[in-house]
């Protein structure tokens, strides 16, 4: 029996755990932590912002102007 055969297999890495980004300052203090939920919320916010801006531009294009249009003919002058 070979001594390499008796070794237990090494544990496999679990890739379903996700990721975490930790940002440290120059004095080695933790500044912020970014988790997967932060990334998803950022992407959802960008998508919602883009959708709102597209709807806003299209609605503004087809809406009536706020100021009344000036009349094309001048009113007749009333002379006493």
N, C-alpha and C. Protein backbone atom coordinates (compact mmCIF):
# COMPACT_ATOMS: atom_id res chain seq x y z
N UNK A 1 0.84 -1.16 0.00
CA UNK A 1 0.00 0.00 0.00
C UNK A 1 0.89 1.24 0.00
N UNK A 2 0.58 2.13 -0.87
CA UNK A 2 1.36 3.33 -1.03
C UNK A 2 0.85 4.39 -0.05
N UNK A 3 1.74 5.21 0.48
CA UNK A 3 1.31 6.22 1.44
C UNK A 3 0.48 7.33 0.78
N UNK A 4 0.61 7.51 -0.53
CA UNK A 4 -0.19 8.52 -1.23
C UNK A 4 -1.64 8.07 -1.38
N UNK A 5 -1.89 6.77 -1.39
CA UNK A 5 -3.25 6.27 -1.53
C UNK A 5 -4.05 6.41 -0.23
N UNK A 6 -3.39 6.47 0.90
CA UNK A 6 -4.10 6.53 2.17
C UNK A 6 -4.52 7.96 2.54
N UNK A 7 -4.06 8.95 1.79
CA UNK A 7 -4.43 10.33 2.11
C UNK A 7 -5.89 10.58 1.78
N UNK A 8 -6.51 11.38 2.60
CA UNK A 8 -7.89 11.75 2.34
C UNK A 8 -7.93 12.81 1.25
N UNK A 9 -8.97 12.81 0.44
CA UNK A 9 -9.04 13.82 -0.61
C UNK A 9 -9.20 15.23 0.00
N UNK A 10 -8.64 16.22 -0.67
CA UNK A 10 -8.73 17.59 -0.18
C UNK A 10 -10.15 18.10 -0.37
N UNK A 11 -10.60 18.94 0.54
CA UNK A 11 -11.97 19.47 0.40
C UNK A 11 -12.07 20.35 -0.85
N UNK A 12 -13.20 20.25 -1.51
CA UNK A 12 -13.42 21.04 -2.71
C UNK A 12 -13.91 22.44 -2.32
N UNK A 13 -13.56 23.41 -3.14
CA UNK A 13 -14.00 24.77 -2.89
C UNK A 13 -15.47 24.91 -3.28
N UNK A 14 -16.22 25.56 -2.43
CA UNK A 14 -17.64 25.79 -2.71
C UNK A 14 -17.75 27.11 -3.47
N UNK A 15 -18.08 27.03 -4.75
CA UNK A 15 -18.15 28.24 -5.58
C UNK A 15 -19.51 28.90 -5.50
N UNK A 16 -20.46 28.35 -4.78
CA UNK A 16 -21.79 28.93 -4.67
C UNK A 16 -21.91 29.93 -3.52
N UNK A 17 -20.83 30.18 -2.81
CA UNK A 17 -20.89 31.06 -1.65
C UNK A 17 -21.00 32.52 -2.02
N UNK A 18 -20.56 32.93 -3.19
CA UNK A 18 -20.61 34.33 -3.59
C UNK A 18 -19.27 35.00 -3.38
N UNK A 19 -19.29 36.30 -3.28
CA UNK A 19 -18.06 37.06 -3.13
C UNK A 19 -18.30 38.24 -2.20
N UNK A 20 -17.23 38.78 -1.68
CA UNK A 20 -17.27 39.95 -0.82
C UNK A 20 -16.03 40.77 -1.13
N UNK A 21 -16.20 42.08 -1.33
CA UNK A 21 -15.07 42.98 -1.55
C UNK A 21 -14.96 43.87 -0.32
N UNK A 22 -13.79 43.85 0.29
CA UNK A 22 -13.54 44.69 1.46
C UNK A 22 -12.54 45.76 1.08
N UNK A 23 -12.88 47.02 1.36
CA UNK A 23 -12.02 48.15 1.01
C UNK A 23 -11.41 48.70 2.29
N UNK A 24 -10.09 48.76 2.30
CA UNK A 24 -9.36 49.24 3.48
C UNK A 24 -8.68 50.57 3.17
N UNK A 25 -8.53 51.41 4.17
CA UNK A 25 -7.82 52.67 4.03
C UNK A 25 -6.32 52.46 4.19
N UNK A 26 -5.57 53.56 4.10
CA UNK A 26 -4.12 53.47 4.20
C UNK A 26 -3.66 53.08 5.61
N UNK A 27 -4.52 53.32 6.61
CA UNK A 27 -4.17 52.95 7.98
C UNK A 27 -4.72 51.58 8.36
N UNK A 28 -5.08 50.78 7.38
CA UNK A 28 -5.56 49.40 7.54
C UNK A 28 -6.87 49.32 8.32
N UNK A 29 -7.69 50.33 8.19
CA UNK A 29 -9.02 50.30 8.78
C UNK A 29 -10.02 49.99 7.68
N UNK A 30 -11.01 49.20 8.01
CA UNK A 30 -12.02 48.81 7.05
C UNK A 30 -12.90 50.01 6.72
N UNK A 31 -12.97 50.38 5.42
CA UNK A 31 -13.78 51.51 5.00
C UNK A 31 -15.18 51.08 4.61
N UNK A 32 -15.30 50.05 3.79
CA UNK A 32 -16.62 49.57 3.40
C UNK A 32 -16.53 48.12 2.91
N UNK A 33 -17.66 47.47 2.88
CA UNK A 33 -17.77 46.10 2.42
C UNK A 33 -18.83 46.04 1.34
N UNK A 34 -18.47 45.48 0.20
CA UNK A 34 -19.41 45.33 -0.91
C UNK A 34 -19.76 43.85 -1.05
N UNK A 35 -21.03 43.55 -0.95
CA UNK A 35 -21.52 42.18 -1.06
C UNK A 35 -22.28 42.02 -2.36
N UNK A 36 -22.63 40.80 -2.75
CA UNK A 36 -23.36 40.59 -4.01
C UNK A 36 -24.68 41.35 -4.07
N UNK A 37 -25.36 41.49 -2.93
CA UNK A 37 -26.64 42.21 -2.94
C UNK A 37 -26.44 43.68 -3.31
N UNK A 38 -25.29 44.26 -2.94
CA UNK A 38 -25.00 45.64 -3.31
C UNK A 38 -24.86 45.76 -4.82
N UNK A 39 -24.20 44.81 -5.43
CA UNK A 39 -24.04 44.81 -6.89
C UNK A 39 -25.36 44.67 -7.61
N UNK A 40 -26.21 43.77 -7.13
CA UNK A 40 -27.53 43.59 -7.76
C UNK A 40 -28.39 44.83 -7.59
N UNK A 41 -28.36 45.46 -6.43
CA UNK A 41 -29.14 46.68 -6.22
C UNK A 41 -28.64 47.81 -7.12
N UNK A 42 -27.33 47.90 -7.32
CA UNK A 42 -26.79 48.91 -8.22
C UNK A 42 -27.27 48.68 -9.64
N UNK A 43 -27.22 47.44 -10.11
CA UNK A 43 -27.68 47.14 -11.48
C UNK A 43 -29.18 47.38 -11.63
N UNK A 44 -29.96 47.01 -10.64
CA UNK A 44 -31.41 47.25 -10.70
C UNK A 44 -31.68 48.75 -10.71
N UNK A 45 -30.95 49.52 -9.91
CA UNK A 45 -31.12 50.97 -9.89
C UNK A 45 -30.77 51.60 -11.23
N UNK A 46 -29.70 51.12 -11.86
CA UNK A 46 -29.34 51.64 -13.19
C UNK A 46 -30.43 51.32 -14.21
N UNK A 47 -30.96 50.10 -14.17
CA UNK A 47 -32.00 49.72 -15.11
C UNK A 47 -33.28 50.53 -14.90
N UNK A 48 -33.67 50.72 -13.66
CA UNK A 48 -34.88 51.50 -13.37
C UNK A 48 -34.68 52.96 -13.77
N UNK A 49 -33.51 53.52 -13.51
CA UNK A 49 -33.22 54.89 -13.91
C UNK A 49 -33.26 55.07 -15.41
N UNK A 50 -32.72 54.11 -16.14
CA UNK A 50 -32.77 54.17 -17.60
C UNK A 50 -34.20 54.07 -18.11
N UNK A 51 -34.98 53.18 -17.51
CA UNK A 51 -36.37 53.02 -17.91
C UNK A 51 -37.17 54.29 -17.64
N UNK A 52 -36.98 54.90 -16.48
CA UNK A 52 -37.69 56.14 -16.14
C UNK A 52 -37.30 57.26 -17.10
N UNK A 53 -36.02 57.37 -17.42
CA UNK A 53 -35.58 58.45 -18.32
C UNK A 53 -36.15 58.26 -19.72
N UNK A 54 -36.20 57.03 -20.21
CA UNK A 54 -36.78 56.79 -21.54
C UNK A 54 -38.26 57.11 -21.54
N UNK A 55 -38.98 56.71 -20.51
CA UNK A 55 -40.41 57.01 -20.43
C UNK A 55 -40.62 58.52 -20.31
N UNK A 56 -39.79 59.20 -19.53
CA UNK A 56 -39.93 60.65 -19.33
C UNK A 56 -39.73 61.40 -20.65
N UNK A 57 -38.70 61.00 -21.42
CA UNK A 57 -38.43 61.68 -22.68
C UNK A 57 -39.56 61.44 -23.66
N UNK A 58 -40.07 60.22 -23.73
CA UNK A 58 -41.17 59.93 -24.65
C UNK A 58 -42.45 60.64 -24.22
N UNK A 59 -42.72 60.73 -22.95
CA UNK A 59 -43.92 61.42 -22.47
C UNK A 59 -43.81 62.92 -22.73
N UNK A 60 -42.63 63.49 -22.56
CA UNK A 60 -42.44 64.92 -22.79
C UNK A 60 -42.57 65.27 -24.27
N UNK A 61 -42.22 64.34 -25.13
CA UNK A 61 -42.30 64.60 -26.56
C UNK A 61 -43.75 64.71 -27.02
N UNK A 62 -44.64 63.92 -26.46
CA UNK A 62 -46.03 63.89 -26.91
C UNK A 62 -46.98 64.69 -26.02
N UNK A 63 -46.49 65.36 -25.00
CA UNK A 63 -47.37 66.13 -24.13
C UNK A 63 -47.58 67.52 -24.71
N UNK A 64 -48.64 68.17 -24.25
CA UNK A 64 -48.93 69.53 -24.70
C UNK A 64 -47.98 70.52 -24.05
N UNK A 65 -47.64 71.60 -24.73
CA UNK A 65 -46.75 72.59 -24.12
C UNK A 65 -47.46 73.28 -22.95
N UNK A 66 -46.69 73.72 -21.98
CA UNK A 66 -47.25 74.35 -20.80
C UNK A 66 -47.73 75.77 -21.09
N UNK A 67 -47.03 76.49 -21.97
CA UNK A 67 -47.41 77.86 -22.30
C UNK A 67 -48.38 77.85 -23.48
N UNK A 68 -49.40 78.68 -23.43
CA UNK A 68 -50.32 78.71 -24.57
C UNK A 68 -49.61 79.29 -25.80
N UNK A 69 -50.00 78.81 -26.94
CA UNK A 69 -49.39 79.30 -28.17
C UNK A 69 -49.94 80.69 -28.49
N UNK A 70 -49.12 81.57 -29.00
CA UNK A 70 -49.62 82.91 -29.33
C UNK A 70 -50.60 82.83 -30.50
N UNK A 71 -51.57 83.72 -30.52
CA UNK A 71 -52.53 83.68 -31.62
C UNK A 71 -51.86 84.04 -32.94
N UNK A 72 -52.36 83.46 -34.00
CA UNK A 72 -51.77 83.73 -35.31
C UNK A 72 -52.23 85.07 -35.87
N UNK A 73 -53.46 85.49 -35.54
CA UNK A 73 -53.97 86.78 -36.01
C UNK A 73 -54.04 87.76 -34.84
N UNK A 74 -53.74 89.00 -35.12
CA UNK A 74 -53.88 90.00 -34.09
C UNK A 74 -55.33 90.37 -33.94
N UNK A 75 -55.80 90.59 -32.71
CA UNK A 75 -57.22 90.96 -32.55
C UNK A 75 -57.48 92.35 -33.15
N UNK A 76 -58.69 92.53 -33.62
CA UNK A 76 -59.06 93.82 -34.22
C UNK A 76 -59.08 94.90 -33.16
N UNK A 77 -58.59 96.07 -33.51
CA UNK A 77 -58.55 97.19 -32.56
C UNK A 77 -59.94 97.79 -32.43
N UNK A 78 -60.33 98.07 -31.23
CA UNK A 78 -61.61 98.72 -30.99
C UNK A 78 -61.38 100.22 -30.94
N UNK A 79 -62.02 100.92 -31.85
CA UNK A 79 -61.87 102.37 -31.89
C UNK A 79 -63.20 102.98 -31.50
N UNK A 80 -63.20 103.90 -30.57
CA UNK A 80 -64.44 104.55 -30.15
C UNK A 80 -64.86 105.61 -31.11
